[in-house]
């Protein structure tokens, strides 16, 4: 039976692994870590000042989230979704998110609307600062927040995973970056949610996801080359 000291040490390792996983996830969502980039255990450990045991646990978490692939005798790499996987991700989002937006409109409180409005403000600020990766991450969080407001925990979990995988899809296949600046879809969605107009929210979400899909060039794309320290801002 483990002692309290051993249990505390194990809990600390798990917490640190989650922190490393969260940092890597954010870097992937912001496109600082590109699809296909190798995540060396030694280098990740050096960057974050943790043991290889903690790095392995973090990478296993990312593999579970399908953000990383772990290949025997080769190591861990940022996942590279195929064209088929890219289509499947957006098809699944198109099935789940419009109905979820309708449910969110029926349940949204003034506090929920304020949270969504802050997300949009931060997203616009990132765009104006030329931080496309950060804007895309915030855009994804906006969608996840709508799923939370809908109060459907199982569907919200699925949507969170799909939005996360969408970040890799966009990193590989995005061909119309000015779509970020052109789109006012989130503002329109926010108004529909604030007005408790479920039907309109559902229609707007359908159109928004279709526009996102149309901005992708779904042909096979090469991975990006960049050092791990540069990507994580610790060079």
Protein backbone atom coordinates (compact mmCIF):
# COMPACT_ATOMS: atom_id res chain seq x y z
CA UNK A 1 0.00 0.00 0.00
CA UNK A 2 1.55 3.34 -1.02
CA UNK A 3 2.53 5.77 1.71
CA UNK A 4 1.13 9.28 1.87
CA UNK A 5 4.52 10.61 0.78
CA UNK A 6 4.61 8.31 -2.27
CA UNK A 7 1.02 9.19 -3.15
CA UNK A 8 1.83 12.89 -2.95
CA UNK A 9 4.88 12.44 -5.16
CA UNK A 10 2.79 10.56 -7.72
CA UNK A 11 0.13 13.26 -7.64
CA UNK A 12 2.80 15.90 -8.19
CA UNK A 13 4.15 14.05 -11.23
CA UNK A 14 0.63 13.77 -12.67
CA UNK A 15 0.04 17.49 -12.16
CA UNK A 16 3.34 18.39 -13.81
CA UNK A 17 2.60 16.07 -16.74
CA UNK A 18 -0.76 17.79 -17.20
CA UNK A 19 0.94 21.20 -17.17
CA UNK A 20 3.43 20.08 -19.85
CA UNK A 21 0.59 18.56 -21.90
CA UNK A 22 -1.41 21.80 -21.62
CA UNK A 23 1.57 23.87 -22.78
CA UNK A 24 2.17 21.59 -25.75
CA UNK A 25 -1.54 21.57 -26.59
CA UNK A 26 -1.65 25.36 -26.61
CA UNK A 27 1.42 25.48 -28.86
CA UNK A 28 -0.27 23.05 -31.26
CA UNK A 29 -3.52 25.02 -31.26
CA UNK A 30 -1.63 28.24 -31.97
CA UNK A 31 0.29 26.52 -34.79
CA UNK A 32 3.66 27.08 -33.13
CA UNK A 33 4.11 23.31 -33.23
CA UNK A 34 3.28 22.20 -36.74
CA UNK A 35 1.96 18.83 -37.94
CA UNK A 36 4.72 16.27 -38.27
CA UNK A 37 7.12 18.00 -35.85
CA UNK A 38 9.11 15.54 -33.74
CA UNK A 39 8.67 15.91 -29.99
CA UNK A 40 11.93 14.57 -28.57
CA UNK A 41 11.52 13.37 -24.99
CA UNK A 42 14.95 14.70 -24.04
CA UNK A 43 14.36 18.11 -25.62
CA UNK A 44 10.86 18.52 -24.18
CA UNK A 45 12.21 17.51 -20.77
CA UNK A 46 15.03 20.04 -21.04
CA UNK A 47 12.69 22.84 -22.14
CA UNK A 48 10.26 22.29 -19.27
CA UNK A 49 12.78 21.11 -16.70
CA UNK A 50 11.09 17.75 -16.07
CA UNK A 51 12.03 14.09 -16.20
CA UNK A 52 11.47 11.80 -19.17
CA UNK A 53 8.84 9.98 -17.09
CA UNK A 54 6.78 13.16 -16.90
CA UNK A 55 7.34 13.90 -20.59
CA UNK A 56 6.15 10.41 -21.54
CA UNK A 57 3.00 10.85 -19.46
CA UNK A 58 2.33 14.22 -21.13
CA UNK A 59 2.83 12.77 -24.61
CA UNK A 60 0.52 9.87 -23.79
CA UNK A 61 -2.17 12.39 -22.84
CA UNK A 62 -1.72 14.17 -26.17
CA UNK A 63 -1.84 10.85 -28.01
CA UNK A 64 -5.13 10.09 -26.26
CA UNK A 65 -6.42 13.46 -27.52
CA UNK A 66 -5.19 12.52 -31.04
CA UNK A 67 -2.89 15.53 -31.19
CA UNK A 68 0.24 13.38 -31.17
CA UNK A 69 1.18 10.05 -32.72
CA UNK A 70 3.70 7.81 -30.97
CA UNK A 71 5.62 5.52 -33.32
CA UNK A 72 7.65 2.54 -32.04
CA UNK A 73 11.42 3.13 -32.24
CA UNK A 74 10.87 6.61 -33.71
CA UNK A 75 9.21 8.63 -30.97
CA UNK A 76 6.40 11.16 -30.77
CA UNK A 77 5.27 13.51 -33.53
CA UNK A 78 2.57 16.15 -33.82
CA UNK A 79 -0.26 14.40 -35.65
CA UNK A 80 -0.81 14.96 -39.37
CA UNK A 81 -4.49 14.38 -40.20
CA UNK A 82 -5.11 12.89 -43.62
CA UNK A 83 -7.55 14.48 -46.07
CA UNK A 84 -10.08 11.82 -45.13
CA UNK A 85 -9.65 12.53 -41.41
CA UNK A 86 -9.96 16.26 -42.08
CA UNK A 87 -13.28 15.78 -43.84
CA UNK A 88 -14.53 13.46 -41.11
CA UNK A 89 -13.68 15.98 -38.40
CA UNK A 90 -15.67 18.76 -40.08
CA UNK A 91 -18.53 16.43 -41.01
CA UNK A 92 -18.80 15.40 -37.36
CA UNK A 93 -18.76 19.04 -36.26
CA UNK A 94 -21.51 19.82 -38.79
CA UNK A 95 -23.63 17.06 -37.26
CA UNK A 96 -23.15 18.13 -33.65
CA UNK A 97 -22.57 21.86 -33.39
CA UNK A 98 -25.63 23.40 -35.10
CA UNK A 99 -28.03 21.54 -32.81
CA UNK A 100 -25.82 22.36 -29.85
CA UNK A 101 -25.97 26.06 -30.77
CA UNK A 102 -29.77 25.85 -30.72
CA UNK A 103 -29.69 24.30 -27.25
CA UNK A 104 -27.21 26.93 -26.07
CA UNK A 105 -29.51 29.73 -27.24
CA UNK A 106 -32.32 28.25 -25.15
CA UNK A 107 -30.14 28.09 -22.02
CA UNK A 108 -27.69 31.00 -22.24
CA UNK A 109 -27.59 33.33 -19.23
CA UNK A 110 -26.34 36.94 -19.26
CA UNK A 111 -23.14 35.64 -17.64
CA UNK A 112 -22.69 33.13 -20.49
CA UNK A 113 -23.13 35.87 -23.07
CA UNK A 114 -20.54 38.00 -21.28
CA UNK A 115 -18.02 35.14 -21.40
CA UNK A 116 -18.60 34.65 -25.13
CA UNK A 117 -18.26 38.38 -25.73
CA UNK A 118 -14.88 38.36 -23.97
CA UNK A 119 -13.74 35.51 -26.22
CA UNK A 120 -14.67 37.52 -29.32
CA UNK A 121 -12.89 40.62 -27.99
CA UNK A 122 -9.73 38.62 -27.33
CA UNK A 123 -9.98 36.94 -30.74
CA UNK A 124 -10.24 40.31 -32.51
CA UNK A 125 -7.33 41.69 -30.49
CA UNK A 126 -5.17 38.73 -31.53
CA UNK A 127 -6.10 39.26 -35.18
CA UNK A 128 -5.25 42.96 -35.05
CA UNK A 129 -1.88 42.05 -33.49
CA UNK A 130 -1.18 39.64 -36.36
CA UNK A 131 -1.36 36.62 -34.03
CA UNK A 132 -3.32 34.28 -36.30
CA UNK A 133 -2.49 31.19 -34.26
CA UNK A 134 -3.75 32.71 -31.03
CA UNK A 135 -6.89 33.93 -32.82
CA UNK A 136 -7.59 30.42 -34.10
CA UNK A 137 -7.16 28.97 -30.61
CA UNK A 138 -9.58 31.54 -29.19
CA UNK A 139 -12.01 30.79 -32.01
CA UNK A 140 -11.96 27.13 -31.00
CA UNK A 141 -12.56 28.04 -27.36
CA UNK A 142 -15.62 30.05 -28.45
CA UNK A 143 -17.13 26.90 -29.96
CA UNK A 144 -16.26 24.83 -26.89
CA UNK A 145 -17.90 27.45 -24.67
CA UNK A 146 -21.14 27.23 -26.69
CA UNK A 147 -21.12 23.46 -26.15
CA UNK A 148 -20.69 24.04 -22.40
CA UNK A 149 -23.62 26.46 -22.34
CA UNK A 150 -25.81 23.86 -24.06
CA UNK A 151 -25.38 21.73 -20.90
CA UNK A 152 -24.86 18.47 -22.78
CA UNK A 153 -21.69 17.10 -21.20
CA UNK A 154 -21.14 14.09 -23.45
CA UNK A 155 -21.63 16.07 -26.67
CA UNK A 156 -19.51 18.91 -25.28
CA UNK A 157 -16.66 16.47 -24.72
CA UNK A 158 -16.90 15.24 -28.32
CA UNK A 159 -16.99 18.80 -29.64
CA UNK A 160 -13.94 19.71 -27.56
CA UNK A 161 -12.00 16.84 -29.12
CA UNK A 162 -13.15 17.74 -32.63
CA UNK A 163 -12.27 21.42 -32.21
CA UNK A 164 -8.85 20.39 -30.94
CA UNK A 165 -8.25 18.17 -33.97
CA UNK A 166 -9.54 20.94 -36.24
CA UNK A 167 -6.51 23.00 -35.25
CA UNK A 168 -4.23 20.45 -36.89
CA UNK A 169 -6.48 20.26 -39.95
CA UNK A 170 -6.34 24.04 -40.36
CA UNK A 171 -2.56 24.08 -39.88
CA UNK A 172 -2.18 21.63 -42.76
CA UNK A 173 -4.92 22.64 -45.18
CA UNK A 174 -5.78 26.31 -44.59
CA UNK A 175 -5.69 28.20 -47.89
CA UNK A 176 -7.69 31.36 -47.22
CA UNK A 177 -6.21 33.05 -44.17
CA UNK A 178 -8.09 36.29 -44.81
CA UNK A 179 -11.25 34.33 -43.99
CA UNK A 180 -10.35 35.03 -40.37
CA UNK A 181 -10.64 38.75 -40.95
CA UNK A 182 -13.66 38.47 -43.26
CA UNK A 183 -15.78 36.40 -40.93
CA UNK A 184 -18.22 38.00 -38.53
CA UNK A 185 -19.86 34.64 -37.84
CA UNK A 186 -19.07 34.69 -34.14
CA UNK A 187 -20.62 38.15 -33.71
CA UNK A 188 -23.80 36.98 -35.45
CA UNK A 189 -23.87 33.80 -33.37
CA UNK A 190 -23.45 35.80 -30.20
CA UNK A 191 -26.42 38.01 -31.08
CA UNK A 192 -28.62 34.99 -31.86
CA UNK A 193 -27.65 33.41 -28.53
CA UNK A 194 -28.29 36.66 -26.65
CA UNK A 195 -31.70 36.95 -28.36
CA UNK A 196 -32.45 33.31 -27.45
CA UNK A 197 -33.15 32.60 -31.12
CA UNK A 198 -32.37 28.90 -31.33
CA UNK A 199 -33.38 28.42 -34.95
CA UNK A 200 -31.19 31.27 -36.13
CA UNK A 201 -28.26 30.10 -33.99
CA UNK A 202 -28.53 26.65 -35.56
CA UNK A 203 -28.60 28.06 -39.10
CA UNK A 204 -25.69 30.42 -38.42
CA UNK A 205 -23.56 27.60 -37.02
CA UNK A 206 -24.27 25.47 -40.10
CA UNK A 207 -23.19 28.31 -42.39
CA UNK A 208 -20.11 29.08 -40.29
CA UNK A 209 -18.85 25.50 -40.40
CA UNK A 210 -19.49 25.32 -44.14
CA UNK A 211 -17.44 28.49 -44.59
CA UNK A 212 -14.62 27.01 -42.52
CA UNK A 213 -14.65 23.87 -44.66
CA UNK A 214 -14.60 25.94 -47.86
CA UNK A 215 -11.46 27.72 -46.63
CA UNK A 216 -9.51 24.43 -46.62
CA UNK A 217 -7.52 23.03 -49.50
CA UNK A 218 -8.04 19.34 -48.86
CA UNK A 219 -5.04 18.00 -50.67
CA UNK A 220 -2.10 16.32 -48.97
CA UNK A 221 0.26 18.93 -47.52
CA UNK A 222 3.84 18.60 -46.25
CA UNK A 223 4.72 19.07 -42.57
CA UNK A 224 6.40 22.23 -41.35
CA UNK A 225 10.06 22.50 -40.33
CA UNK A 226 10.91 24.38 -37.14
CA UNK A 227 12.96 23.74 -34.03
CA UNK A 228 11.14 22.69 -30.88
CA UNK A 229 12.71 25.45 -28.77
CA UNK A 230 11.70 28.10 -31.31
CA UNK A 231 8.14 26.76 -31.44
CA UNK A 232 7.75 26.83 -27.67
CA UNK A 233 9.35 30.26 -27.34
CA UNK A 234 12.18 29.04 -25.14
CA UNK A 235 15.13 29.45 -27.52
